[in-house]
Structure formats: structure tokens, C-alpha cells
């Protein structure tokens, strides 16, 4: 199965072409300011300059966040457009799923992904690694203070996490070690989701029933957007659908 992966939720975006679990090509690039101008071009580069109708894709996978409001919207919009145009299955993969999958931990591992939020809060997601490395979110992402996030993860997982990763884990490493001294913390290099992992997670979900996601897939936003917060504008962006 050949899958095009798109991940645009963080400060570094990426596009990857994955076939039968192997990464054929991948491009990473800064998301700031020029993402709308560069994203489609990187997709074209990853498919080796071929017209998408000739790229022999079997599915499209896209990161749905949480993360940058603008970045996630752009990635999801492009993924939906490609999937709709080519009549392909579209799979949404959350940032925590992609981050946890990249760890390649054994089945049964308990993972807590902490992503930076505002002030002293984090986006917190508890996950288990199932058979064949399949990632399972115990509950959708919540915005919590760090102590509450760690307590909640332990309650959901039934034990302290084996490993904590994400930008929030790197930011609050000292505080986490003071609360969970036995837990393993990942470094910055393992803190961001990547397109290859989005595609790899999607491989087990990309059935024909996912074609409808080209119309229904929505980003996963945990907080309201700035416009919704400041002006009371309802953009219909709350909640999410993983396709």
C-alpha cells in the first residue's frame, strides 16, 4: 500500500511517501509564514515530480493536531482535496498518535504525550502500545496543568507512564522527574510528529470506508481559535474527527 502522509501541526512540517511500511521519500521544512506557498510543492517533490493522478497512491494520511490552528487547517484541507480528487481513502492521525508510534515501543507500553500549550498547561494524551505496534489513545487530548496531566495519565493507564514525550515533556523535564523519577523522558528529537509516522499509523486504517473522510474529516482542536476567543466567532472548529 502506497500512502502519502502530510503533517503540518507543529513548527516543522513534513510530507512523506510510504509504501508497505517503508519510507520512499520524505521532506521536512519550517511551517512559519510560507506554508501555504510551499506545502503543495513539497508534495510534488515527494511523489518525484509525478502528476498525482499518476503517483499510484492508495491512500492519503494527514495529521489532525492538536497543534497550530493555521498549520493543521492547511494540511487537512490539502489532504481532503487530494483524497477527493483521486477518490482515495483519507485517514486523520492525531499528533500524539504519530509521536507515540515513532517510539517503536513494545506492546503493552504506557505512553504519555505532553505538548506545549499556553502558560503552565500542556496538551496531555495517554496512549497504550498494542500488538504489532498499534497505538491506542485511551482518551482524547485534554488541556491540563502538568501535575494534573501526570495524575490523569496514571489514572487512565492504570500505572505511571513508562515514557513521556512531546514538546511539553522536554519543556518540563525537571518538574516531571521530581514527580515521576522512574519514568523515561524523550528528547527534543522525539517531540514532534512526522509525516512518515502519520502514514505508518494510517496504514492499518485505510480501508475503502475512509473515502467519505474527504468530506467529513475535521482538525482536532482542543482550544478555541483566537477569533473564537477574542470575538466570539463560531468557526465550527471545536472537537474533531479522526476520519
Protein backbone atom coordinates (compact mmCIF):
# COMPACT_ATOMS: atom_id res chain seq x y z
CA UNK A 1 0.00 0.00 0.00
CA UNK A 2 1.37 3.40 -1.02
CA UNK A 3 0.35 6.26 1.29
CA UNK A 4 1.01 9.99 1.06
CA UNK A 5 1.50 11.45 4.56
CA UNK A 6 1.09 15.15 5.40
CA UNK A 7 1.88 16.60 8.86
CA UNK A 8 1.60 20.37 9.46
CA UNK A 9 0.64 20.75 13.13
CA UNK A 10 3.99 21.93 14.52
CA UNK A 11 6.76 24.41 13.75
CA UNK A 12 8.29 21.82 11.40
CA UNK A 13 6.04 20.37 8.72
CA UNK A 14 6.74 17.27 6.67
CA UNK A 15 5.48 15.27 3.73
CA UNK A 16 6.31 11.61 3.15
CA UNK A 17 5.60 8.81 0.72
CA UNK A 18 5.42 5.42 2.43
CA UNK A 19 4.95 2.07 0.73
CA UNK A 20 4.34 -1.18 2.62
CA UNK A 21 5.89 0.23 5.78
CA UNK A 22 8.99 1.63 4.09
CA UNK A 23 9.66 5.35 3.64
CA UNK A 24 10.36 6.07 -0.03
CA UNK A 25 10.86 9.82 0.25
CA UNK A 26 10.35 12.45 2.94
CA UNK A 27 10.70 16.22 3.14
CA UNK A 28 10.76 18.36 6.31
CA UNK A 29 10.56 22.16 6.27
CA UNK A 30 9.64 25.12 8.52
CA UNK A 31 5.92 25.82 8.84
CA UNK A 32 6.17 29.51 9.57
CA UNK A 33 4.75 32.16 7.23
CA UNK A 34 5.14 30.36 3.89
CA UNK A 35 3.41 27.03 4.48
CA UNK A 36 0.55 27.93 2.13
CA UNK A 37 3.07 28.65 -0.62
CA UNK A 38 5.32 25.64 -0.10
CA UNK A 39 3.20 22.69 1.02
CA UNK A 40 1.85 21.62 -2.37
CA UNK A 41 5.33 21.93 -3.90
CA UNK A 42 6.78 19.59 -1.28
CA UNK A 43 4.03 17.08 -2.02
CA UNK A 44 5.01 17.21 -5.68
CA UNK A 45 8.67 16.67 -4.77
CA UNK A 46 7.88 13.67 -2.58
CA UNK A 47 5.99 11.95 -5.38
CA UNK A 48 9.11 12.56 -7.51
CA UNK A 49 7.56 15.24 -9.66
CA UNK A 50 4.82 12.97 -10.96
CA UNK A 51 1.28 14.14 -11.52
CA UNK A 52 -0.73 12.96 -8.52
CA UNK A 53 -3.06 11.08 -10.82
CA UNK A 54 -0.03 9.00 -11.88
CA UNK A 55 1.56 8.61 -8.43
CA UNK A 56 -0.23 5.29 -7.79
CA UNK A 57 -1.38 6.33 -4.34
CA UNK A 58 -3.63 4.01 -2.36
CA UNK A 59 -4.49 6.43 0.45
CA UNK A 60 -3.79 9.85 1.95
CA UNK A 61 -2.95 10.36 5.64
CA UNK A 62 -2.95 13.74 7.32
CA UNK A 63 -2.13 15.00 10.80
CA UNK A 64 -5.19 16.46 12.51
CA UNK A 65 -3.49 18.03 15.53
CA UNK A 66 -3.71 19.32 18.14
CA UNK A 67 -1.23 21.99 17.20
CA UNK A 68 -1.07 25.13 15.08
CA UNK A 69 -4.59 26.20 14.08
CA UNK A 70 -3.44 27.55 10.71
CA UNK A 71 -1.00 24.73 10.01
CA UNK A 72 -3.46 21.96 10.79
CA UNK A 73 -6.17 23.60 8.67
CA UNK A 74 -3.83 23.83 5.68
CA UNK A 75 -2.69 20.23 5.95
CA UNK A 76 -6.19 18.87 6.39
CA UNK A 77 -7.54 21.00 3.53
CA UNK A 78 -4.85 19.77 1.13
CA UNK A 79 -5.26 16.16 2.24
CA UNK A 80 -9.03 16.34 1.70
CA UNK A 81 -8.60 17.95 -1.72
CA UNK A 82 -6.17 15.24 -2.89
CA UNK A 83 -8.28 12.40 -1.50
CA UNK A 84 -11.46 13.80 -3.04
CA UNK A 85 -9.88 14.43 -6.44
CA UNK A 86 -8.35 10.95 -6.62
CA UNK A 87 -11.23 9.18 -4.83
CA UNK A 88 -8.86 7.78 -2.22
CA UNK A 89 -9.32 6.81 1.43
CA UNK A 90 -8.31 9.63 3.79
CA UNK A 91 -7.11 8.89 7.32
CA UNK A 92 -6.67 11.50 10.04
CA UNK A 93 -3.93 10.76 12.59
CA UNK A 94 -3.50 12.79 15.77
CA UNK A 95 -0.16 14.32 16.69
CA UNK A 96 0.08 12.20 19.88
CA UNK A 97 -0.54 9.01 17.87
CA UNK A 98 2.24 9.91 15.45
CA UNK A 99 4.68 10.83 18.24
CA UNK A 100 3.97 7.66 20.23
CA UNK A 101 4.17 5.44 17.16
CA UNK A 102 7.62 6.78 16.31
CA UNK A 103 8.95 5.50 19.65
CA UNK A 104 8.60 1.88 18.46
CA UNK A 105 7.94 0.61 21.97
CA UNK A 106 6.94 -2.99 22.73
CA UNK A 107 3.31 -3.99 23.12
CA UNK A 108 1.88 -3.06 26.49
CA UNK A 109 3.96 0.10 26.90
CA UNK A 110 2.23 3.05 28.54
CA UNK A 111 2.95 6.41 26.94
CA UNK A 112 2.02 9.97 27.86
CA UNK A 113 2.43 12.64 25.19
CA UNK A 114 2.67 16.18 26.51
CA UNK A 115 2.61 19.04 24.01
CA UNK A 116 3.16 22.69 24.86
CA UNK A 117 0.06 24.76 25.47
CA UNK A 118 -0.21 28.24 26.99
CA UNK A 119 1.22 29.33 30.35
CA UNK A 120 1.77 26.33 32.64
CA UNK A 121 -0.54 23.97 30.79
CA UNK A 122 0.05 21.11 28.37
CA UNK A 123 -1.95 19.16 25.84
CA UNK A 124 -1.97 15.74 27.51
CA UNK A 125 -2.75 12.40 25.88
CA UNK A 126 -2.42 8.92 27.40
CA UNK A 127 -1.76 6.06 24.98
CA UNK A 128 -1.01 2.33 25.02
CA UNK A 129 1.08 0.44 22.51
CA UNK A 130 -0.85 -2.59 21.31
CA UNK A 131 0.09 -5.63 19.29
CA UNK A 132 2.24 -5.00 16.21
CA UNK A 133 2.96 -1.50 17.49
CA UNK A 134 -0.59 -0.26 17.02
CA UNK A 135 -1.13 2.91 19.03
CA UNK A 136 -4.31 3.31 21.08
CA UNK A 137 -5.40 6.59 22.64
CA UNK A 138 -7.06 5.94 25.99
CA UNK A 139 -8.87 9.26 25.85
CA UNK A 140 -8.74 12.28 23.56
CA UNK A 141 -6.31 15.08 24.32
CA UNK A 142 -7.07 17.45 27.19
CA UNK A 143 -5.51 20.75 28.27
CA UNK A 144 -4.29 20.41 31.86
CA UNK A 145 -1.70 21.71 34.25
CA UNK A 146 1.37 19.48 34.41
CA UNK A 147 0.62 17.87 37.82
CA UNK A 148 -2.98 17.21 36.78
CA UNK A 149 -1.82 15.82 33.43
CA UNK A 150 0.51 13.33 35.12
CA UNK A 151 -2.16 12.24 37.61
CA UNK A 152 -4.72 11.83 34.85
CA UNK A 153 -2.35 9.80 32.68
CA UNK A 154 -1.62 7.46 35.59
CA UNK A 155 -5.34 7.02 36.27
CA UNK A 156 -6.17 6.31 32.62
CA UNK A 157 -3.25 3.93 32.09
CA UNK A 158 -3.64 2.16 35.42
CA UNK A 159 0.00 2.84 36.26
CA UNK A 160 2.61 5.56 35.78
CA UNK A 161 3.64 6.07 32.14
CA UNK A 162 6.71 4.16 31.02
CA UNK A 163 7.77 7.05 28.80
CA UNK A 164 6.78 10.68 28.36
CA UNK A 165 7.44 12.56 25.15
CA UNK A 166 6.44 15.66 23.23
CA UNK A 167 7.42 19.31 23.45
CA UNK A 168 5.80 19.64 26.87
CA UNK A 169 7.81 16.72 28.26
CA UNK A 170 11.02 18.38 27.08
CA UNK A 171 9.96 21.78 28.45
CA UNK A 172 9.01 20.48 31.90
CA UNK A 173 11.59 17.69 32.17
CA UNK A 174 12.88 18.68 35.62
CA UNK A 175 9.39 19.02 37.08
CA UNK A 176 8.37 15.66 35.62
CA UNK A 177 11.42 13.92 37.07
CA UNK A 178 10.57 15.30 40.51
CA UNK A 179 7.11 13.69 40.29
CA UNK A 180 7.91 10.53 38.29
CA UNK A 181 11.59 9.78 38.88
CA UNK A 182 11.40 6.32 37.26
CA UNK A 183 9.78 7.44 34.02
CA UNK A 184 11.79 7.79 30.82
CA UNK A 185 11.71 11.15 29.08
CA UNK A 186 12.30 11.57 25.36
CA UNK A 187 14.49 14.30 23.96
CA UNK A 188 13.59 17.16 21.63
CA UNK A 189 14.31 15.00 18.60
CA UNK A 190 11.35 12.76 19.50
CA UNK A 191 8.95 15.52 20.47
CA UNK A 192 7.33 16.40 17.12
CA UNK A 193 5.01 14.39 14.87
CA UNK A 194 6.27 13.47 11.41
CA UNK A 195 4.57 12.68 8.11
CA UNK A 196 6.20 9.24 7.92
CA UNK A 197 4.62 8.26 11.24
CA UNK A 198 1.27 9.72 10.22
CA UNK A 199 1.38 7.50 7.13
CA UNK A 200 2.55 4.43 9.05
CA UNK A 201 -0.23 4.77 11.64
CA UNK A 202 -2.76 5.26 8.84
CA UNK A 203 -1.72 2.08 7.03
CA UNK A 204 -3.85 -0.10 9.28
CA UNK A 205 -6.90 2.11 8.93
CA UNK A 206 -7.00 2.99 5.24
CA UNK A 207 -9.97 0.92 4.07
CA UNK A 208 -12.50 1.90 1.38
CA UNK A 209 -14.85 3.21 4.08
CA UNK A 210 -12.43 6.10 4.62
CA UNK A 211 -13.26 7.74 1.30
CA UNK A 212 -16.08 9.67 2.94
CA UNK A 213 -13.49 11.37 5.15
CA UNK A 214 -12.60 13.61 2.19
CA UNK A 215 -15.85 15.41 3.11
CA UNK A 216 -16.12 14.81 6.86
CA UNK A 217 -12.58 14.97 8.31
CA UNK A 218 -12.02 17.88 10.70
CA UNK A 219 -8.96 19.03 12.66
CA UNK A 220 -8.63 18.17 16.32
CA UNK A 221 -8.71 21.45 18.18
CA UNK A 222 -8.58 21.28 21.96
CA UNK A 223 -8.79 25.04 22.47
CA UNK A 224 -10.87 27.67 20.72
CA UNK A 225 -9.15 29.63 17.97
CA UNK A 226 -8.07 33.24 18.57
CA UNK A 227 -11.05 34.56 16.62
CA UNK A 228 -13.44 32.45 18.69
CA UNK A 229 -11.78 33.50 21.95
CA UNK A 230 -11.49 37.22 21.24
CA UNK A 231 -14.53 37.93 19.09
CA UNK A 232 -16.98 35.18 19.91
CA UNK A 233 -16.92 33.94 16.30
CA UNK A 234 -18.18 30.37 15.90
CA UNK A 235 -15.99 28.76 13.26
CA UNK A 236 -17.33 25.27 13.93
CA UNK A 237 -13.81 24.05 14.71
CA UNK A 238 -14.27 22.62 18.18
CA UNK A 239 -13.96 18.88 18.55
CA UNK A 240 -12.52 16.66 15.87
CA UNK A 241 -12.91 13.59 13.75
CA UNK A 242 -10.04 11.25 13.09
CA UNK A 243 -11.57 10.12 9.82
